[in-house]
Amino acid sequence: MTVIDPETQASDWVAEDDDAEEMPLSLRLSIADTLTLGNATCGFMAVYFTTTGILIPHLSGDESGMARNSAATAVILMLCAAVFDLFDGLVARKLRSSPMGAELDNLSDLISFGLAPAYFVLVYGMVASDAHERVAAVGAIVVLLAVVLRLARFSCVTVKDGTFQGMPSPFGALTVVSIVLLELPFEATLLAVVGTAWLMVSRVEYPKPRGILAVAMLGWIVSAMGMLAAWAFDAPGGQVLLQMGCALQIVMAATIPLFATARRVNTFRDNRRESREARAAQLP
């Protein structure tokens, strides 16, 4: 028969309670993690407003001016998610991040910059007069899978400091919704959306938003929010402002790869020239 000492048993229980009260380090959220969760919340709410303000009224035949307000709200929420994504990295570098910070960031980005814009494309295919629902669904799947692959590659591939390989998912998401809001013909819209998805999984280098570039990006996001608000409330010139903002976003998405490619070509030429000069110098 086993004899249990009551005092020993009581001390064991106290020790177990102390261990239970102390939260493991891996479960503690940092300030950066809180911002990351704000990113995920904005992405989910963008899907919510796209559903309740655009899709459901269209399916029930009760369409009104709320569709424009809901579309603007959904895109503004994606822009807010981009702000959270910008600042969580800055805060993590200045303060600290928890061991699960990188995983939280990828999962939040998948919601806000993968699911939300892909769903926006899908709903566009269901409500636009010249769109084809099934083809739009394929385009939405392409966007979603591009973001999934891009985030997975980001976790596995090491690139040189200060650059991203492929279009960053926040920039890609904003480009996708800009293409939809520009109200181009369906075929052009779908081609541009698929082209944006390809840029996200490409090897084109994009600069990371740090320093002056981060400030410029924040200023552009705030300006885009203002354009969307003017369009949503039918302010004078709101439609023109929206079209200008969307066109500028698309132009930036198209020109940055050109600059990156030109820089790579120039670097390759410089290296070849230096190599030829070095070999010439070695000749007698």
Protein backbone atom coordinates (compact mmCIF):
# COMPACT_ATOMS: atom_id res chain seq x y z
CA MET A 1 0.00 0.00 0.00
CA THR A 2 1.32 3.44 -0.95
CA VAL A 3 1.35 6.03 1.82
CA ILE A 4 0.93 9.68 0.74
CA ASP A 5 2.26 12.41 2.98
CA PRO A 6 -0.47 15.10 3.22
CA GLU A 7 2.12 17.90 3.53
CA THR A 8 3.98 16.70 0.43
CA GLN A 9 0.77 16.38 -1.53
CA ALA A 10 -0.32 19.90 -0.55
CA SER A 11 3.02 21.35 -1.59
CA ASP A 12 2.75 19.59 -4.95
CA TRP A 13 -0.66 21.14 -5.53
CA VAL A 14 0.69 24.60 -4.73
CA ALA A 15 3.54 24.12 -7.17
CA GLU A 16 1.12 23.04 -9.89
CA ASP A 17 -1.06 26.09 -9.25
CA ASP A 18 1.97 28.38 -9.53
CA ASP A 19 2.94 26.83 -12.85
CA ALA A 20 -0.61 27.19 -14.13
CA GLU A 21 -0.76 30.87 -13.16
CA GLU A 22 2.46 31.67 -15.02
CA MET A 23 1.59 32.08 -18.70
CA PRO A 24 4.11 30.51 -21.12
CA LEU A 25 6.24 33.02 -22.98
CA SER A 26 4.92 31.74 -26.33
CA LEU A 27 1.34 32.77 -25.36
CA ARG A 28 2.09 36.34 -24.29
CA LEU A 29 0.98 39.00 -26.75
CA SER A 30 3.23 41.97 -27.40
CA ILE A 31 2.12 45.42 -28.58
CA ALA A 32 3.13 44.45 -32.12
CA ASP A 33 0.93 41.34 -31.88
CA THR A 34 -2.04 43.49 -30.85
CA LEU A 35 -1.56 45.61 -33.97
CA THR A 36 -1.37 42.42 -36.02
CA LEU A 37 -4.71 41.27 -34.59
CA GLY A 38 -6.14 44.65 -35.57
CA ASN A 39 -5.01 43.84 -39.10
CA ALA A 40 -6.95 40.56 -39.05
CA THR A 41 -10.04 42.26 -37.60
CA CYS A 42 -10.06 44.86 -40.37
CA GLY A 43 -9.80 42.14 -43.02
CA PHE A 44 -12.72 40.22 -41.55
CA MET A 45 -14.87 43.35 -41.32
CA ALA A 46 -14.06 44.15 -44.95
CA VAL A 47 -15.57 40.77 -45.89
CA TYR A 48 -18.56 41.54 -43.66
CA PHE A 49 -19.31 44.89 -45.33
CA THR A 50 -18.80 43.41 -48.79
CA THR A 51 -21.38 40.74 -47.96
CA THR A 52 -24.01 42.75 -46.12
CA GLY A 53 -23.74 45.96 -48.13
CA ILE A 54 -23.16 44.68 -51.67
CA LEU A 55 -23.88 40.97 -52.12
CA ILE A 56 -27.02 40.50 -49.98
CA PRO A 57 -28.83 43.62 -51.33
CA HIS A 58 -28.01 42.47 -54.87
CA LEU A 59 -29.35 38.96 -54.28
CA SER A 60 -32.50 40.26 -52.57
CA GLY A 61 -33.12 42.89 -55.25
CA ASP A 62 -33.01 45.68 -52.68
CA GLU A 63 -30.08 47.62 -54.12
CA SER A 64 -29.61 51.21 -53.06
CA GLY A 65 -26.90 53.78 -52.52
CA MET A 66 -25.62 51.71 -49.61
CA ALA A 67 -23.65 49.53 -52.07
CA ARG A 68 -21.29 52.41 -52.80
CA ASN A 69 -20.86 53.21 -49.11
CA SER A 70 -20.26 49.55 -48.26
CA ALA A 71 -17.72 49.13 -51.05
CA ALA A 72 -15.86 52.22 -49.84
CA THR A 73 -16.02 51.00 -46.23
CA ALA A 74 -14.64 47.59 -47.21
CA VAL A 75 -11.71 49.13 -49.07
CA ILE A 76 -11.04 51.62 -46.26
CA LEU A 77 -10.88 48.68 -43.86
CA MET A 78 -8.30 47.02 -46.11
CA LEU A 79 -6.35 50.28 -46.04
CA CYS A 80 -6.58 50.30 -42.23
CA ALA A 81 -5.28 46.72 -42.26
CA ALA A 82 -2.32 47.93 -44.32
CA VAL A 83 -1.65 50.64 -41.69
CA PHE A 84 -1.70 48.01 -38.93
CA ASP A 85 0.61 45.82 -41.01
CA LEU A 86 2.99 48.74 -41.51
CA PHE A 87 3.16 49.67 -37.84
CA ASP A 88 3.33 46.18 -36.34
CA GLY A 89 6.67 45.64 -38.09
CA LEU A 90 7.98 49.03 -36.95
CA VAL A 91 6.87 48.41 -33.36
CA ALA A 92 8.32 44.89 -33.36
CA ARG A 93 11.71 46.25 -34.43
CA LYS A 94 11.64 49.05 -31.84
CA LEU A 95 10.26 47.07 -28.89
CA ARG A 96 9.88 43.33 -29.14
CA SER A 97 7.71 40.65 -30.72
CA SER A 98 6.44 37.43 -29.21
CA PRO A 99 7.60 34.03 -30.50
CA MET A 100 4.34 33.69 -32.43
CA GLY A 101 4.54 37.17 -33.98
CA ALA A 102 5.62 35.98 -37.42
CA GLU A 103 2.86 33.36 -37.56
CA LEU A 104 0.23 35.88 -36.46
CA ASP A 105 1.44 38.31 -39.13
CA ASN A 106 1.16 35.73 -41.92
CA LEU A 107 -2.30 34.57 -40.83
CA SER A 108 -3.58 38.15 -40.52
CA ASP A 109 -2.15 39.07 -43.93
CA LEU A 110 -3.91 36.06 -45.42
CA ILE A 111 -7.26 37.34 -44.14
CA SER A 112 -6.83 41.03 -44.98
CA PHE A 113 -4.81 40.85 -48.20
CA GLY A 114 -5.78 37.41 -49.49
CA LEU A 115 -9.34 36.54 -48.53
CA ALA A 116 -10.76 40.09 -48.45
CA PRO A 117 -9.62 41.25 -51.94
CA ALA A 118 -10.34 37.82 -53.46
CA TYR A 119 -13.86 37.95 -52.04
CA PHE A 120 -14.20 41.51 -53.37
CA VAL A 121 -13.37 40.22 -56.88
CA LEU A 122 -15.85 37.35 -56.46
CA VAL A 123 -18.70 39.67 -55.44
CA TYR A 124 -17.80 42.02 -58.29
CA GLY A 125 -18.29 39.11 -60.67
CA MET A 126 -21.74 38.51 -59.20
CA VAL A 127 -23.06 42.08 -59.21
CA ALA A 128 -21.45 43.77 -62.25
CA SER A 129 -23.65 43.84 -65.33
CA ASP A 130 -20.93 42.83 -67.81
CA ALA A 131 -19.14 40.32 -65.56
CA HIS A 132 -19.14 36.51 -65.75
CA GLU A 133 -19.57 35.02 -62.29
CA ARG A 134 -17.66 31.76 -62.83
CA VAL A 135 -14.76 33.46 -64.60
CA ALA A 136 -14.58 36.04 -61.82
CA ALA A 137 -14.53 33.18 -59.31
CA VAL A 138 -11.46 31.78 -61.06
CA GLY A 139 -9.81 35.21 -60.87
CA ALA A 140 -10.63 35.42 -57.15
CA ILE A 141 -9.09 31.99 -56.55
CA VAL A 142 -5.95 33.06 -58.43
CA VAL A 143 -5.62 36.12 -56.15
CA LEU A 144 -6.13 34.03 -53.01
CA LEU A 145 -3.63 31.34 -54.03
CA ALA A 146 -1.08 33.97 -55.07
CA VAL A 147 -1.20 35.50 -51.59
CA VAL A 148 -0.98 32.05 -49.96
CA LEU A 149 2.08 31.17 -52.04
CA ARG A 150 3.65 34.56 -51.49
CA LEU A 151 3.29 34.40 -47.71
CA ALA A 152 4.58 30.81 -47.62
CA ARG A 153 7.61 31.77 -49.71
CA PHE A 154 8.24 34.80 -47.51
CA SER A 155 8.57 32.46 -44.52
CA CYS A 156 11.00 30.13 -46.29
CA VAL A 157 13.14 32.26 -48.61
CA THR A 158 15.80 34.68 -47.44
CA VAL A 159 16.32 37.74 -49.63
CA LYS A 160 18.74 40.62 -49.31
CA ASP A 161 17.94 43.16 -46.64
CA GLY A 162 15.63 46.03 -47.55
CA THR A 163 13.71 44.27 -50.33
CA PHE A 164 10.76 41.94 -50.87
CA GLN A 165 10.70 39.26 -53.53
CA GLY A 166 7.44 39.76 -55.37
CA MET A 167 4.83 42.46 -54.85
CA PRO A 168 4.00 42.75 -51.13
CA SER A 169 0.54 41.38 -50.37
CA PRO A 170 -0.86 44.69 -48.94
CA PHE A 171 0.22 46.53 -52.09
CA GLY A 172 -1.18 43.72 -54.23
CA ALA A 173 -4.52 43.74 -52.41
CA LEU A 174 -4.92 47.50 -52.84
CA THR A 175 -4.03 47.17 -56.52
CA VAL A 176 -6.65 44.44 -57.02
CA VAL A 177 -9.46 46.47 -55.45
CA SER A 178 -8.32 49.57 -57.39
CA ILE A 179 -8.66 47.63 -60.62
CA VAL A 180 -12.20 46.59 -59.68
CA LEU A 181 -13.23 50.09 -58.57
CA LEU A 182 -11.91 51.61 -61.80
CA GLU A 183 -14.83 49.86 -63.60
CA LEU A 184 -12.91 48.78 -66.68
CA PRO A 185 -14.47 46.26 -69.11
CA PHE A 186 -14.67 42.81 -67.53
CA GLU A 187 -11.96 41.23 -69.69
CA ALA A 188 -9.50 44.04 -68.95
CA THR A 189 -10.34 43.90 -65.26
CA LEU A 190 -9.75 40.15 -65.06
CA LEU A 191 -6.45 40.34 -66.98
CA ALA A 192 -5.21 43.13 -64.72
CA VAL A 193 -6.22 41.19 -61.59
CA VAL A 194 -4.43 38.04 -62.79
CA GLY A 195 -1.39 40.15 -63.73
CA THR A 196 -1.30 41.57 -60.20
CA ALA A 197 -1.50 38.06 -58.77
CA TRP A 198 1.47 37.05 -60.95
CA LEU A 199 3.49 40.01 -59.68
CA MET A 200 2.90 38.85 -56.10
CA VAL A 201 4.52 35.46 -56.79
CA SER A 202 7.17 36.81 -59.17
CA ARG A 203 10.84 37.39 -58.35
CA VAL A 204 10.62 41.13 -58.97
CA GLU A 205 12.20 43.04 -56.09
CA TYR A 206 10.18 45.63 -54.19
CA PRO A 207 11.66 47.97 -51.57
CA LYS A 208 10.54 47.55 -47.97
CA PRO A 209 8.61 50.54 -46.55
CA ARG A 210 11.16 51.97 -44.15
CA GLY A 211 12.08 55.53 -43.29
CA ILE A 212 10.91 58.07 -45.86
CA LEU A 213 9.26 55.33 -47.92
CA ALA A 214 7.14 54.26 -44.93
CA VAL A 215 6.03 57.87 -44.37
CA ALA A 216 5.18 58.20 -48.08
CA MET A 217 3.20 54.97 -47.97
CA LEU A 218 1.26 56.14 -44.91
CA GLY A 219 0.52 59.45 -46.62
CA TRP A 220 -0.72 57.64 -49.73
CA ILE A 221 -3.01 55.41 -47.64
CA VAL A 222 -4.53 58.41 -45.86
CA SER A 223 -5.05 60.15 -49.22
CA ALA A 224 -6.72 57.03 -50.62
CA MET A 225 -9.08 56.94 -47.63
CA GLY A 226 -10.06 60.54 -48.35
CA MET A 227 -10.73 59.76 -52.01
CA LEU A 228 -12.88 56.78 -51.05
CA ALA A 229 -14.85 58.83 -48.52
CA ALA A 230 -15.48 61.58 -51.09
CA TRP A 231 -16.70 58.96 -53.57
CA ALA A 232 -18.88 57.19 -50.99
CA PHE A 233 -20.70 60.37 -49.96
CA ASP A 234 -21.03 61.56 -53.56
CA ALA A 235 -18.99 64.70 -52.92
CA PRO A 236 -18.32 67.03 -55.87
CA GLY A 237 -15.52 65.51 -57.89
CA GLY A 238 -15.59 62.34 -55.78
CA GLN A 239 -15.86 60.05 -58.79
CA VAL A 240 -12.94 61.79 -60.50
CA LEU A 241 -10.84 61.58 -57.33
CA LEU A 242 -11.57 57.86 -57.04
CA GLN A 243 -10.61 57.20 -60.65
CA MET A 244 -7.41 59.22 -60.26
CA GLY A 245 -6.47 57.36 -57.09
CA CYS A 246 -7.18 53.93 -58.59
CA ALA A 247 -5.30 54.79 -61.77
CA LEU A 248 -2.30 56.02 -59.78
CA GLN A 249 -2.26 52.80 -57.71
CA ILE A 250 -2.28 50.70 -60.89
CA VAL A 251 0.44 52.85 -62.50
CA MET A 252 2.65 52.42 -59.43
CA ALA A 253 2.07 48.66 -59.49
CA ALA A 254 3.11 48.55 -63.16
CA THR A 255 6.10 50.91 -63.01
CA ILE A 256 7.87 49.62 -59.88
CA PRO A 257 8.67 46.29 -61.59
CA LEU A 258 10.01 48.21 -64.59
CA PHE A 259 12.37 50.23 -62.40
CA ALA A 260 13.43 47.07 -60.55
CA THR A 261 14.08 45.26 -63.85
CA ALA A 262 16.03 48.22 -65.24
CA ARG A 263 18.14 48.35 -62.09
CA ARG A 264 18.86 44.63 -62.31
CA VAL A 265 19.85 44.95 -65.98
CA ASN A 266 22.15 47.89 -65.20
CA THR A 267 23.74 45.94 -62.34
CA PHE A 268 24.31 42.97 -64.64
CA ARG A 269 25.92 45.20 -67.27
CA ASP A 270 28.16 46.87 -64.68
CA ASN A 271 29.30 43.50 -63.39
CA ARG A 272 30.10 42.29 -66.88
CA ARG A 273 32.04 45.47 -67.65
CA GLU A 274 34.04 45.19 -64.44
CA SER A 275 34.75 41.54 -65.21
CA ARG A 276 36.02 42.42 -68.71
CA GLU A 277 38.16 45.22 -67.33
CA ALA A 278 39.63 42.89 -64.70
CA ARG A 279 40.49 40.26 -67.32
CA ALA A 280 42.00 42.95 -69.58
CA ALA A 281 44.15 44.19 -66.74
CA GLN A 282 45.53 40.69 -66.17
CA LEU A 283 46.65 40.33 -69.78
CA PRO A 284 50.38 41.06 -70.51
